[in-house]
Amino acid sequence: MVINKAPKALFKKSGVTLIIKKDGEVTTSFNAFLQPLRYKNKIYLRGVATELGYDSLKKYLLISPADVDLSAINGTSVALFFGDKHLSIDHSEKVYLGKSPYYTWSIVSKEE
């Protein structure tokens, strides 16, 4: 059981705060890692060229605690926010350590 506490402590110490709102009311607040995705191929040429590749400034990798339910987020009545930025979930998967969920990774997009 100590293993499950390790990622949560890391998220709390080094992560950013995200919130889930249901019908405009904050229902969940959690810490997670959020970083921009950069593409080495030339699919997203509209982005900004960086040393690591092209940054579209709209797609992000979200690594969050396994106990946060991201499946309910639909972008309308239940939405994900980072500060005042609305994020939508493109894809999400849980990562398991043995039979226990360890963390969740997701690809999110910044809504405008």
Protein backbone atom coordinates (compact mmCIF):
# COMPACT_ATOMS: atom_id res chain seq x y z
CA MET A 1 0.00 0.00 0.00
CA VAL A 2 2.95 2.37 0.45
CA ILE A 3 3.48 2.22 -3.32
CA ASN A 4 0.12 3.89 -3.98
CA LYS A 5 1.07 6.84 -1.75
CA ALA A 6 4.30 7.56 -3.63
CA PRO A 7 2.80 9.05 -6.81
CA LYS A 8 0.25 11.07 -4.82
CA ALA A 9 3.00 12.67 -2.72
CA LEU A 10 4.97 13.47 -5.88
CA PHE A 11 1.91 15.04 -7.56
CA LYS A 12 1.20 17.12 -4.46
CA LYS A 13 4.80 18.32 -4.14
CA SER A 14 5.64 19.02 -7.80
CA GLY A 15 2.37 19.06 -9.73
CA VAL A 16 0.03 21.84 -10.79
CA THR A 17 -3.53 22.19 -9.50
CA LEU A 18 -6.40 21.27 -11.82
CA ILE A 19 -10.09 21.36 -11.04
CA ILE A 20 -13.14 19.52 -12.30
CA LYS A 21 -16.34 21.55 -12.45
CA LYS A 22 -19.80 20.07 -12.71
CA ASP A 23 -22.46 22.52 -13.86
CA GLY A 24 -20.12 25.42 -12.98
CA GLU A 25 -19.42 24.22 -9.42
CA VAL A 26 -16.01 22.88 -8.38
CA THR A 27 -16.39 19.19 -7.48
CA THR A 28 -12.78 17.97 -7.46
CA SER A 29 -9.38 19.61 -7.10
CA PHE A 30 -6.21 17.60 -7.65
CA ASN A 31 -2.53 17.99 -8.48
CA ALA A 32 -1.04 16.51 -11.65
CA PHE A 33 1.75 16.97 -14.17
CA LEU A 34 0.84 18.91 -17.29
CA GLN A 35 3.32 19.43 -20.12
CA PRO A 36 3.01 20.50 -23.76
CA LEU A 37 3.35 17.82 -26.41
CA ARG A 38 5.96 18.42 -29.07
CA TYR A 39 5.91 16.57 -32.35
CA LYS A 40 9.11 15.56 -34.14
CA ASN A 41 7.29 14.83 -37.39
CA LYS A 42 5.89 17.55 -39.62
CA ILE A 43 2.19 16.88 -39.05
CA TYR A 44 1.64 20.01 -36.96
CA LEU A 45 3.63 22.64 -38.84
CA ARG A 46 1.43 25.47 -37.60
CA GLY A 47 3.09 25.23 -34.20
CA VAL A 48 6.18 26.95 -32.89
CA ALA A 49 9.50 25.36 -33.86
CA THR A 50 11.53 24.44 -30.77
CA GLU A 51 14.71 22.47 -30.20
CA LEU A 52 12.65 19.42 -29.27
CA GLY A 53 10.22 19.63 -32.18
CA TYR A 54 7.07 21.54 -33.08
CA ASP A 55 4.92 22.78 -30.23
CA SER A 56 1.30 23.18 -31.30
CA LEU A 57 0.54 25.03 -28.01
CA LYS A 58 -2.78 23.17 -27.81
CA LYS A 59 -2.02 19.52 -26.92
CA TYR A 60 -0.71 18.49 -23.51
CA LEU A 61 0.26 15.33 -21.66
CA LEU A 62 -1.56 15.07 -18.33
CA ILE A 63 -0.30 12.60 -15.73
CA SER A 64 -2.70 12.44 -12.80
CA PRO A 65 -3.42 10.30 -9.72
CA ALA A 66 -5.24 7.05 -10.46
CA ASP A 67 -8.03 7.84 -8.01
CA VAL A 68 -9.19 10.92 -9.95
CA ASP A 69 -12.09 9.94 -12.23
CA LEU A 70 -11.51 11.61 -15.59
CA SER A 71 -14.07 9.43 -17.41
CA ALA A 72 -16.97 11.69 -16.37
CA ILE A 73 -15.48 14.74 -18.11
CA ASN A 74 -17.57 15.51 -21.18
CA GLY A 75 -16.59 19.16 -21.78
CA THR A 76 -20.08 20.55 -21.29
CA SER A 77 -21.69 19.77 -17.92
CA VAL A 78 -18.47 18.30 -16.45
CA ALA A 79 -15.29 20.16 -17.45
CA LEU A 80 -11.58 20.17 -16.62
CA PHE A 81 -9.77 23.46 -15.90
CA PHE A 82 -6.19 24.58 -15.34
CA GLY A 83 -6.60 28.06 -13.88
CA ASP A 84 -9.03 29.73 -16.28
CA LYS A 85 -8.04 27.48 -19.23
CA HIS A 86 -10.64 24.90 -20.24
CA LEU A 87 -9.13 21.51 -21.20
CA SER A 88 -10.80 18.65 -23.06
CA ILE A 89 -9.64 15.05 -22.87
CA ASP A 90 -8.72 13.40 -26.18
CA HIS A 91 -7.55 10.06 -24.77
CA SER A 92 -6.97 8.64 -21.29
CA GLU A 93 -5.55 5.38 -19.89
CA LYS A 94 -4.78 4.03 -16.45
CA VAL A 95 -1.34 2.54 -15.76
CA TYR A 96 -1.27 -0.42 -13.37
CA LEU A 97 1.42 -1.66 -11.02
CA GLY A 98 0.48 -5.29 -10.62
CA LYS A 99 -3.29 -5.24 -10.23
CA SER A 100 -3.49 -1.79 -8.61
CA PRO A 101 -3.96 1.41 -10.63
CA TYR A 102 -0.82 3.56 -10.24
CA TYR A 103 -1.53 6.71 -12.27
CA THR A 104 -3.50 7.91 -15.30
CA TRP A 105 -2.04 9.47 -18.43
CA SER A 106 -4.15 11.55 -20.78
CA ILE A 107 -3.80 13.64 -23.90
CA VAL A 108 -5.66 16.90 -23.36
CA SER A 109 -6.39 19.85 -25.63
CA LYS A 110 -6.70 23.50 -24.69
CA GLU A 111 -10.16 24.79 -25.67
CA GLU A 112 -10.49 28.33 -26.98
